Amino acid sequence: MRVQRRCKRVGPVPAGRRDTRSTTLISAAMDELADDRPVLVLNPPDDPGFRALAVGLMDDGVRVPGDLEDRLRERHPHAVVRPRDLAGEQMSVWYVYRDGRWIGSKG
């Protein structure tokens, strides 16, 4: 693997040669950080209906783990939401289990 030690370009990149993909990704990441929504770690990860429900509830303004759990249980009675609590972590991460515990993917 080759690692470039120094940047070869000096000065601004001409407008026609800019890679807008990287600035779009950076912008999206910054928007996500500015949002007060937690990152959801969903299980099972391959259930699109469960994912759509959880994300939809977050889009509707749910911001408390217990509230998300209560709303998910309307369709999935064993659903559990557990916030991750790591010292010094800047973002909020919630583990969301459809069946109340970790289960493997179907694949």
N, C-alpha and C. Protein backbone atom coordinates (compact mmCIF):
# COMPACT_ATOMS: atom_id res chain seq x y z
N MET A 1 0.85 -1.17 0.00
CA MET A 1 0.00 0.00 0.00
C MET A 1 0.90 1.23 0.00
N ARG A 2 0.53 2.19 -0.82
CA ARG A 2 1.29 3.43 -0.92
C ARG A 2 0.60 4.54 -0.15
N VAL A 3 1.35 5.27 0.66
CA VAL A 3 0.80 6.38 1.42
C VAL A 3 1.46 7.66 0.96
N GLN A 4 0.66 8.62 0.60
CA GLN A 4 1.19 9.91 0.19
C GLN A 4 1.50 10.72 1.43
N ARG A 5 2.73 11.21 1.51
CA ARG A 5 3.17 11.93 2.70
C ARG A 5 2.79 13.41 2.68
N ARG A 6 2.78 14.00 1.52
CA ARG A 6 2.47 15.43 1.43
C ARG A 6 1.44 15.68 0.35
N CYS A 7 0.70 16.74 0.54
CA CYS A 7 -0.27 17.16 -0.46
C CYS A 7 0.48 17.84 -1.59
N LYS A 8 0.18 17.45 -2.81
CA LYS A 8 0.88 18.02 -3.96
C LYS A 8 0.25 19.30 -4.46
N ARG A 9 -1.01 19.52 -4.26
CA ARG A 9 -1.70 20.68 -4.79
C ARG A 9 -1.52 21.88 -3.87
N VAL A 10 -1.28 23.00 -4.46
CA VAL A 10 -1.16 24.25 -3.71
C VAL A 10 -2.21 25.20 -4.26
N GLY A 11 -3.01 25.77 -3.40
CA GLY A 11 -4.04 26.70 -3.84
C GLY A 11 -5.38 26.01 -3.96
N PRO A 12 -6.43 26.78 -4.28
CA PRO A 12 -7.78 26.22 -4.37
C PRO A 12 -7.95 25.31 -5.57
N VAL A 13 -8.87 24.38 -5.43
CA VAL A 13 -9.20 23.48 -6.52
C VAL A 13 -10.16 24.20 -7.46
N PRO A 14 -9.90 24.20 -8.76
CA PRO A 14 -10.82 24.85 -9.70
C PRO A 14 -12.22 24.24 -9.59
N ALA A 15 -13.23 25.08 -9.72
CA ALA A 15 -14.62 24.68 -9.52
C ALA A 15 -15.00 23.46 -10.36
N GLY A 16 -14.56 23.36 -11.57
CA GLY A 16 -14.91 22.25 -12.43
C GLY A 16 -14.25 20.94 -12.04
N ARG A 17 -13.26 20.99 -11.17
CA ARG A 17 -12.53 19.78 -10.80
C ARG A 17 -12.80 19.33 -9.37
N ARG A 18 -13.70 19.97 -8.67
CA ARG A 18 -14.01 19.58 -7.30
C ARG A 18 -14.79 18.28 -7.26
N ASP A 19 -14.50 17.47 -6.27
CA ASP A 19 -15.24 16.23 -6.06
C ASP A 19 -16.39 16.55 -5.11
N THR A 20 -17.57 16.74 -5.63
CA THR A 20 -18.71 17.14 -4.80
C THR A 20 -19.22 15.99 -3.94
N ARG A 21 -18.87 14.74 -4.29
CA ARG A 21 -19.34 13.60 -3.48
C ARG A 21 -18.83 13.70 -2.05
N SER A 22 -17.55 14.04 -1.88
CA SER A 22 -17.00 14.08 -0.52
C SER A 22 -17.60 15.24 0.28
N THR A 23 -17.83 16.38 -0.35
CA THR A 23 -18.42 17.49 0.38
C THR A 23 -19.87 17.19 0.73
N THR A 24 -20.57 16.45 -0.12
CA THR A 24 -21.94 16.07 0.18
C THR A 24 -21.98 15.11 1.37
N LEU A 25 -21.06 14.14 1.41
CA LEU A 25 -21.00 13.21 2.52
C LEU A 25 -20.67 13.92 3.82
N ILE A 26 -19.73 14.84 3.77
CA ILE A 26 -19.35 15.60 4.96
C ILE A 26 -20.52 16.44 5.43
N SER A 27 -21.21 17.08 4.51
CA SER A 27 -22.37 17.89 4.85
C SER A 27 -23.45 17.05 5.50
N ALA A 28 -23.71 15.87 4.96
CA ALA A 28 -24.74 14.98 5.53
C ALA A 28 -24.34 14.53 6.93
N ALA A 29 -23.07 14.22 7.13
CA ALA A 29 -22.61 13.80 8.46
C ALA A 29 -22.74 14.94 9.46
N MET A 30 -22.43 16.16 9.04
CA MET A 30 -22.55 17.30 9.93
C MET A 30 -24.01 17.57 10.28
N ASP A 31 -24.91 17.41 9.31
CA ASP A 31 -26.34 17.57 9.57
C ASP A 31 -26.81 16.55 10.60
N GLU A 32 -26.31 15.31 10.46
CA GLU A 32 -26.69 14.26 11.40
C GLU A 32 -26.21 14.59 12.80
N LEU A 33 -24.99 15.10 12.91
CA LEU A 33 -24.46 15.46 14.23
C LEU A 33 -25.24 16.62 14.84
N ALA A 34 -25.71 17.55 14.00
CA ALA A 34 -26.45 18.70 14.48
C ALA A 34 -27.85 18.29 14.94
N ASP A 35 -28.36 17.20 14.39
CA ASP A 35 -29.67 16.69 14.75
C ASP A 35 -29.59 16.08 16.15
N ASP A 36 -30.67 16.18 16.90
CA ASP A 36 -30.65 15.63 18.25
C ASP A 36 -31.08 14.16 18.29
N ARG A 37 -31.26 13.56 17.12
CA ARG A 37 -31.65 12.16 17.07
C ARG A 37 -30.48 11.25 17.40
N PRO A 38 -30.76 10.18 18.14
CA PRO A 38 -29.70 9.20 18.39
C PRO A 38 -29.48 8.31 17.17
N VAL A 39 -28.35 7.66 17.15
CA VAL A 39 -28.09 6.63 16.15
C VAL A 39 -28.79 5.37 16.64
N LEU A 40 -29.58 4.75 15.78
CA LEU A 40 -30.29 3.52 16.16
C LEU A 40 -29.53 2.32 15.63
N VAL A 41 -29.24 1.37 16.51
CA VAL A 41 -28.66 0.09 16.12
C VAL A 41 -29.81 -0.90 16.22
N LEU A 42 -30.35 -1.27 15.07
CA LEU A 42 -31.56 -2.08 15.02
C LEU A 42 -31.26 -3.57 14.92
N ASN A 43 -32.04 -4.36 15.63
CA ASN A 43 -31.91 -5.80 15.54
C ASN A 43 -33.30 -6.40 15.50
N PRO A 44 -33.61 -7.21 14.50
CA PRO A 44 -32.68 -7.66 13.47
C PRO A 44 -32.42 -6.57 12.43
N PRO A 45 -31.23 -6.57 11.88
CA PRO A 45 -30.88 -5.53 10.92
C PRO A 45 -31.54 -5.71 9.55
N ASP A 46 -32.07 -6.90 9.29
CA ASP A 46 -32.62 -7.19 7.96
C ASP A 46 -34.15 -7.23 7.94
N ASP A 47 -34.79 -6.48 8.84
CA ASP A 47 -36.25 -6.38 8.84
C ASP A 47 -36.63 -4.96 8.41
N PRO A 48 -36.94 -4.78 7.12
CA PRO A 48 -37.22 -3.43 6.62
C PRO A 48 -38.46 -2.79 7.25
N GLY A 49 -39.45 -3.59 7.62
CA GLY A 49 -40.64 -3.05 8.25
C GLY A 49 -40.34 -2.49 9.64
N PHE A 50 -39.53 -3.22 10.40
CA PHE A 50 -39.14 -2.76 11.73
C PHE A 50 -38.29 -1.50 11.64
N ARG A 51 -37.37 -1.48 10.67
CA ARG A 51 -36.52 -0.30 10.46
C ARG A 51 -37.39 0.91 10.10
N ALA A 52 -38.32 0.72 9.18
CA ALA A 52 -39.18 1.83 8.76
C ALA A 52 -40.01 2.36 9.92
N LEU A 53 -40.51 1.45 10.76
CA LEU A 53 -41.31 1.88 11.91
C LEU A 53 -40.46 2.68 12.89
N ALA A 54 -39.28 2.18 13.24
CA ALA A 54 -38.42 2.87 14.21
C ALA A 54 -37.97 4.23 13.69
N VAL A 55 -37.54 4.28 12.45
CA VAL A 55 -37.09 5.55 11.86
C VAL A 55 -38.26 6.51 11.73
N GLY A 56 -39.42 6.00 11.35
CA GLY A 56 -40.61 6.84 11.23
C GLY A 56 -41.00 7.47 12.56
N LEU A 57 -40.90 6.70 13.63
CA LEU A 57 -41.21 7.23 14.97
C LEU A 57 -40.21 8.32 15.35
N MET A 58 -38.95 8.12 15.00
CA MET A 58 -37.94 9.16 15.28
C MET A 58 -38.25 10.40 14.45
N ASP A 59 -38.66 10.20 13.20
CA ASP A 59 -39.02 11.34 12.35
C ASP A 59 -40.22 12.10 12.92
N ASP A 60 -41.09 11.38 13.63
CA ASP A 60 -42.26 12.00 14.26
C ASP A 60 -41.93 12.73 15.56
N GLY A 61 -40.68 12.66 15.99
CA GLY A 61 -40.25 13.43 17.15
C GLY A 61 -40.00 12.65 18.43
N VAL A 62 -40.08 11.33 18.39
CA VAL A 62 -39.79 10.54 19.59
C VAL A 62 -38.31 10.73 19.94
N ARG A 63 -38.02 11.13 21.19
CA ARG A 63 -36.63 11.39 21.59
C ARG A 63 -36.26 10.79 22.95
N VAL A 64 -37.16 9.95 23.50
CA VAL A 64 -36.91 9.31 24.79
C VAL A 64 -36.96 7.79 24.56
N PRO A 65 -35.94 7.04 25.03
CA PRO A 65 -35.94 5.59 24.78
C PRO A 65 -37.23 4.89 25.21
N GLY A 66 -37.75 5.22 26.37
CA GLY A 66 -38.99 4.58 26.84
C GLY A 66 -40.18 4.87 25.95
N ASP A 67 -40.23 6.08 25.39
CA ASP A 67 -41.32 6.43 24.47
C ASP A 67 -41.22 5.62 23.18
N LEU A 68 -39.99 5.49 22.67
CA LEU A 68 -39.80 4.69 21.45
C LEU A 68 -40.19 3.25 21.73
N GLU A 69 -39.77 2.71 22.86
CA GLU A 69 -40.11 1.33 23.22
C GLU A 69 -41.63 1.14 23.30
N ASP A 70 -42.31 2.06 23.96
CA ASP A 70 -43.77 1.97 24.08
C ASP A 70 -44.45 1.98 22.72
N ARG A 71 -44.00 2.86 21.84
CA ARG A 71 -44.62 2.98 20.51
C ARG A 71 -44.32 1.74 19.65
N LEU A 72 -43.09 1.22 19.76
CA LEU A 72 -42.75 0.01 19.00
C LEU A 72 -43.56 -1.19 19.48
N ARG A 73 -43.84 -1.24 20.76
CA ARG A 73 -44.57 -2.38 21.34
C ARG A 73 -46.02 -2.44 20.88
N GLU A 74 -46.51 -1.38 20.28
CA GLU A 74 -47.86 -1.44 19.72
C GLU A 74 -47.93 -2.48 18.60
N ARG A 75 -46.83 -2.66 17.88
CA ARG A 75 -46.76 -3.67 16.81
C ARG A 75 -45.86 -4.85 17.15
N HIS A 76 -44.86 -4.60 17.98
CA HIS A 76 -43.89 -5.64 18.36
C HIS A 76 -43.84 -5.70 19.89
N PRO A 77 -44.68 -6.56 20.50
CA PRO A 77 -44.86 -6.55 21.96
C PRO A 77 -43.61 -6.82 22.79
N HIS A 78 -42.58 -7.40 22.20
CA HIS A 78 -41.36 -7.70 22.95
C HIS A 78 -40.24 -6.70 22.70
N ALA A 79 -40.51 -5.64 21.97
CA ALA A 79 -39.47 -4.66 21.63
C ALA A 79 -38.84 -4.04 22.88
N VAL A 80 -37.53 -3.83 22.79
CA VAL A 80 -36.77 -3.22 23.89
C VAL A 80 -35.84 -2.18 23.29
N VAL A 81 -35.72 -1.03 23.97
CA VAL A 81 -34.81 0.04 23.54
C VAL A 81 -33.87 0.32 24.71
N ARG A 82 -32.57 0.21 24.44
CA ARG A 82 -31.56 0.44 25.48
C ARG A 82 -30.56 1.50 25.00
N PRO A 83 -30.48 2.62 25.71
CA PRO A 83 -29.46 3.61 25.33
C PRO A 83 -28.07 3.13 25.73
N ARG A 84 -27.09 3.40 24.88
CA ARG A 84 -25.70 3.09 25.21
C ARG A 84 -25.17 4.26 26.02
N ASP A 85 -24.47 3.98 27.10
CA ASP A 85 -23.99 5.03 27.98
C ASP A 85 -22.49 4.87 28.19
N LEU A 86 -21.70 5.40 27.27
CA LEU A 86 -20.25 5.34 27.37
C LEU A 86 -19.71 6.70 27.79
N ALA A 87 -18.82 6.71 28.75
CA ALA A 87 -18.25 7.97 29.24
C ALA A 87 -17.55 8.71 28.11
N GLY A 88 -17.85 9.98 27.98
CA GLY A 88 -17.19 10.82 26.99
C GLY A 88 -17.73 10.70 25.58
N GLU A 89 -18.70 9.85 25.35
CA GLU A 89 -19.23 9.70 23.99
C GLU A 89 -20.07 10.92 23.63
N GLN A 90 -19.80 11.49 22.48
CA GLN A 90 -20.47 12.72 22.04
C GLN A 90 -21.86 12.47 21.48
N MET A 91 -22.07 11.33 20.84
CA MET A 91 -23.37 11.07 20.22
C MET A 91 -24.16 10.07 21.06
N SER A 92 -25.44 10.08 20.85
CA SER A 92 -26.33 9.17 21.54
C SER A 92 -26.60 7.97 20.65
N VAL A 93 -26.47 6.77 21.20
CA VAL A 93 -26.71 5.53 20.46
C VAL A 93 -27.71 4.70 21.25
N TRP A 94 -28.74 4.23 20.55
CA TRP A 94 -29.74 3.37 21.18
C TRP A 94 -29.73 2.02 20.47
N TYR A 95 -29.73 0.96 21.26
CA TYR A 95 -29.89 -0.39 20.73
C TYR A 95 -31.38 -0.70 20.77
N VAL A 96 -31.92 -1.11 19.63
CA VAL A 96 -33.36 -1.34 19.50
C VAL A 96 -33.57 -2.79 19.06
N TYR A 97 -34.13 -3.59 19.96
CA TYR A 97 -34.31 -5.02 19.73
C TYR A 97 -35.80 -5.32 19.48
N ARG A 98 -36.12 -5.82 18.32
CA ARG A 98 -37.51 -6.14 17.98
C ARG A 98 -38.07 -7.24 18.88
N ASP A 99 -37.24 -8.26 19.16
CA ASP A 99 -37.70 -9.42 19.92
C ASP A 99 -37.23 -9.40 21.38
N GLY A 100 -36.76 -8.25 21.86
CA GLY A 100 -36.34 -8.13 23.24
C GLY A 100 -34.92 -8.59 23.52
N ARG A 101 -34.27 -9.15 22.50
CA ARG A 101 -32.89 -9.64 22.64
C ARG A 101 -32.24 -9.68 21.26
N TRP A 102 -30.93 -9.86 21.25
CA TRP A 102 -30.20 -9.92 19.99
C TRP A 102 -30.51 -11.23 19.29
N ILE A 103 -30.85 -11.13 18.00
CA ILE A 103 -31.04 -12.34 17.19
C ILE A 103 -30.24 -12.17 15.91
N GLY A 104 -29.84 -13.27 15.31
CA GLY A 104 -29.05 -13.22 14.08
C GLY A 104 -29.87 -12.84 12.87
N SER A 105 -29.16 -12.44 11.82
CA SER A 105 -29.82 -12.13 10.54
C SER A 105 -30.33 -13.41 9.91
N LYS A 106 -31.27 -13.25 9.01
CA LYS A 106 -31.83 -14.42 8.30
C LYS A 106 -30.81 -15.04 7.36
N GLY A 107 -29.93 -14.16 6.78
CA GLY A 107 -28.98 -14.57 5.76
C GLY A 107 -28.13 -15.69 6.15
